[in-house]
Amino acid sequence: FWCDVCSLDLQSEKSLAEHRKGRKHIKREYRTMPGRIQPVCPKYDPVEIDEEGLFQGIASGSYQNIVIVTGAGASTAAGVMDFRSPGGLFDVLHRKFGDRFPWVYEEPERILSRSFANTHSDIFYGEVHPLVRETFYDLKPTLTHR
């Protein structure tokens, strides 16, 4: 039983019917509908401006959606430890949890994840969460954060 939309070979008519109810199939089917109008994105045409032109554009309201991308320096100025440096948060996680969870040496951010909290809730809420709260307790946002 073949699904032409998804190019899948299914084992029975029942499994094909069940497959056709799925989100992925429905999305693919929608994308391939004849006569469907494809969304058109406007062509991006970058314009070079100097610093003065940038500030004028901001002041005049010409720029409505502004995104600023910074590095960790914005947060370290507020007292947030650099996660990856010696003595940083990941180093603390290595020392505290490395014996029980050896993968922490390769992927320390995993111990801060929702999936870890769900699978090891006693450790997450009893040890990890208090450690993180204590680490970031007295921090105040800088002007950059505001």
Protein backbone atom coordinates (compact mmCIF):
# COMPACT_ATOMS: atom_id res chain seq x y z
CA PHE A 1 0.00 0.00 0.00
CA TRP A 2 1.83 3.01 -1.36
CA CYS A 3 1.51 6.65 -0.26
CA ASP A 4 2.20 8.79 -3.35
CA VAL A 5 2.48 11.97 -1.27
CA CYS A 6 5.18 10.70 1.11
CA SER A 7 6.67 7.94 -1.08
CA LEU A 8 6.15 5.35 1.63
CA ASP A 9 5.37 1.66 1.35
CA LEU A 10 2.97 0.70 4.14
CA GLN A 11 1.99 -2.81 5.20
CA SER A 12 -1.79 -2.65 5.02
CA GLU A 13 -4.74 -0.56 3.95
CA LYS A 14 -5.40 0.15 7.62
CA SER A 15 -1.85 1.46 8.18
CA LEU A 16 -2.15 3.60 5.02
CA ALA A 17 -5.42 5.08 6.30
CA GLU A 18 -3.80 5.77 9.69
CA HIS A 19 -0.74 7.30 7.99
CA ARG A 20 -2.93 9.69 5.99
CA LYS A 21 -4.25 11.15 9.29
CA GLY A 22 -0.72 12.07 10.42
CA ARG A 23 0.64 15.63 10.57
CA LYS A 24 3.60 15.01 8.26
CA HIS A 25 1.39 13.48 5.58
CA ILE A 26 -1.16 16.30 5.83
CA LYS A 27 1.58 18.96 5.55
CA ARG A 28 3.15 17.25 2.54
CA GLU A 29 -0.24 16.81 0.91
CA TYR A 30 -1.02 20.50 1.43
CA ARG A 31 2.32 21.55 -0.07
CA THR A 32 1.69 19.53 -3.22
CA MET A 33 -1.92 20.63 -3.81
CA PRO A 34 -2.46 21.77 -7.40
CA GLY A 35 -3.45 25.43 -7.71
CA ARG A 36 -2.05 26.27 -4.28
CA ILE A 37 -0.51 29.71 -4.32
CA GLN A 38 3.07 29.58 -3.15
CA PRO A 39 4.02 32.35 -0.71
CA VAL A 40 6.39 34.85 -2.22
CA CYS A 41 9.10 36.33 -0.06
CA PRO A 42 10.24 39.81 -0.96
CA LYS A 43 13.72 39.96 -2.46
CA TYR A 44 16.28 41.01 0.10
CA ASP A 45 18.34 43.89 -1.18
CA PRO A 46 20.94 44.88 1.39
CA VAL A 47 21.83 48.53 1.53
CA GLU A 48 25.18 49.60 2.90
CA ILE A 49 24.97 52.40 5.40
CA ASP A 50 27.51 53.99 7.68
CA GLU A 51 27.18 54.41 11.43
CA GLU A 52 25.62 57.86 11.09
CA GLY A 53 23.02 56.51 8.65
CA LEU A 54 22.21 53.69 11.06
CA PHE A 55 21.59 56.10 13.94
CA GLN A 56 19.51 58.40 11.75
CA GLY A 57 17.38 55.45 10.64
CA ILE A 58 16.80 54.38 14.23
CA ALA A 59 16.01 57.94 15.40
CA SER A 60 13.60 58.58 12.52
CA GLY A 61 11.72 55.32 13.09
CA SER A 62 12.71 53.90 9.68
CA TYR A 63 13.93 50.75 11.38
CA GLN A 64 11.12 49.05 13.28
CA ASN A 65 12.52 45.56 13.88
CA ILE A 66 16.02 45.61 15.29
CA VAL A 67 17.92 42.56 16.51
CA ILE A 68 21.19 42.89 18.37
CA VAL A 69 23.43 39.84 18.56
CA THR A 70 26.04 39.85 21.30
CA GLY A 71 28.50 37.38 22.75
CA ALA A 72 28.84 36.16 26.31
CA GLY A 73 30.61 39.40 27.26
CA ALA A 74 27.30 41.17 27.82
CA SER A 75 26.45 38.70 30.56
CA THR A 76 29.92 38.28 32.08
CA ALA A 77 29.87 42.04 32.74
CA ALA A 78 26.80 41.39 34.92
CA GLY A 79 28.67 38.73 36.88
CA VAL A 80 27.48 35.66 34.96
CA MET A 81 30.35 33.20 34.89
CA ASP A 82 31.62 32.17 31.48
CA PHE A 83 30.15 28.68 31.08
CA ARG A 84 33.09 27.14 29.20
CA SER A 85 36.08 28.69 31.00
CA PRO A 86 37.92 26.93 33.83
CA GLY A 87 35.87 27.51 36.96
CA GLY A 88 32.77 28.24 34.86
CA LEU A 89 29.39 26.56 35.13
CA PHE A 90 30.31 23.61 32.91
CA ASP A 91 33.43 22.99 35.02
CA VAL A 92 31.25 22.95 38.15
CA LEU A 93 28.85 20.50 36.46
CA HIS A 94 31.79 18.25 35.48
CA ARG A 95 33.05 18.10 39.07
CA LYS A 96 29.65 17.67 40.70
CA PHE A 97 27.94 15.27 38.26
CA GLY A 98 30.70 13.72 36.10
CA ASP A 99 31.06 10.57 38.20
CA ARG A 100 27.35 9.75 38.01
CA PHE A 101 26.79 10.98 34.45
CA PRO A 102 30.00 10.58 32.40
CA TRP A 103 28.40 12.20 29.33
CA VAL A 104 28.50 15.53 31.26
CA TYR A 105 32.15 15.86 30.17
CA GLU A 106 31.08 15.92 26.50
CA GLU A 107 27.63 17.54 26.77
CA PRO A 108 27.32 19.48 30.03
CA GLU A 109 24.32 21.46 28.78
CA ARG A 110 22.32 18.22 28.69
CA ILE A 111 22.09 18.15 32.49
CA LEU A 112 20.27 21.51 32.28
CA SER A 113 17.74 20.22 29.73
CA ARG A 114 14.05 19.48 30.09
CA SER A 115 14.61 15.86 29.09
CA PHE A 116 17.09 15.41 31.98
CA ALA A 117 14.63 17.08 34.35
CA ASN A 118 11.90 14.69 33.17
CA THR A 119 14.00 11.51 33.41
CA HIS A 120 15.94 12.38 36.59
CA SER A 121 13.54 14.76 38.33
CA ASP A 122 14.83 13.98 41.83
CA ILE A 123 18.42 14.88 40.88
CA PHE A 124 17.40 17.84 38.73
CA TYR A 125 15.14 19.50 41.32
CA GLY A 126 17.17 18.35 44.33
CA GLU A 127 20.68 19.18 43.06
CA VAL A 128 20.91 20.84 39.63
CA HIS A 129 18.16 23.44 40.03
CA PRO A 130 19.37 24.66 43.46
CA LEU A 131 22.95 24.85 42.13
CA VAL A 132 21.88 26.99 39.18
CA ARG A 133 19.68 29.22 41.36
CA GLU A 134 22.54 29.72 43.82
CA THR A 135 24.96 30.47 40.97
CA PHE A 136 22.74 33.15 39.43
CA TYR A 137 20.95 34.43 42.57
CA ASP A 138 22.43 37.91 43.01
CA LEU A 139 22.86 38.88 39.38
CA LYS A 140 21.50 42.17 38.10
CA PRO A 141 20.94 43.02 34.42
CA THR A 142 23.32 45.52 32.84
CA LEU A 143 22.35 48.41 30.59
CA THR A 144 22.96 46.08 27.62
CA HIS A 145 20.39 43.61 28.95
CA ARG A 146 17.83 46.36 29.43
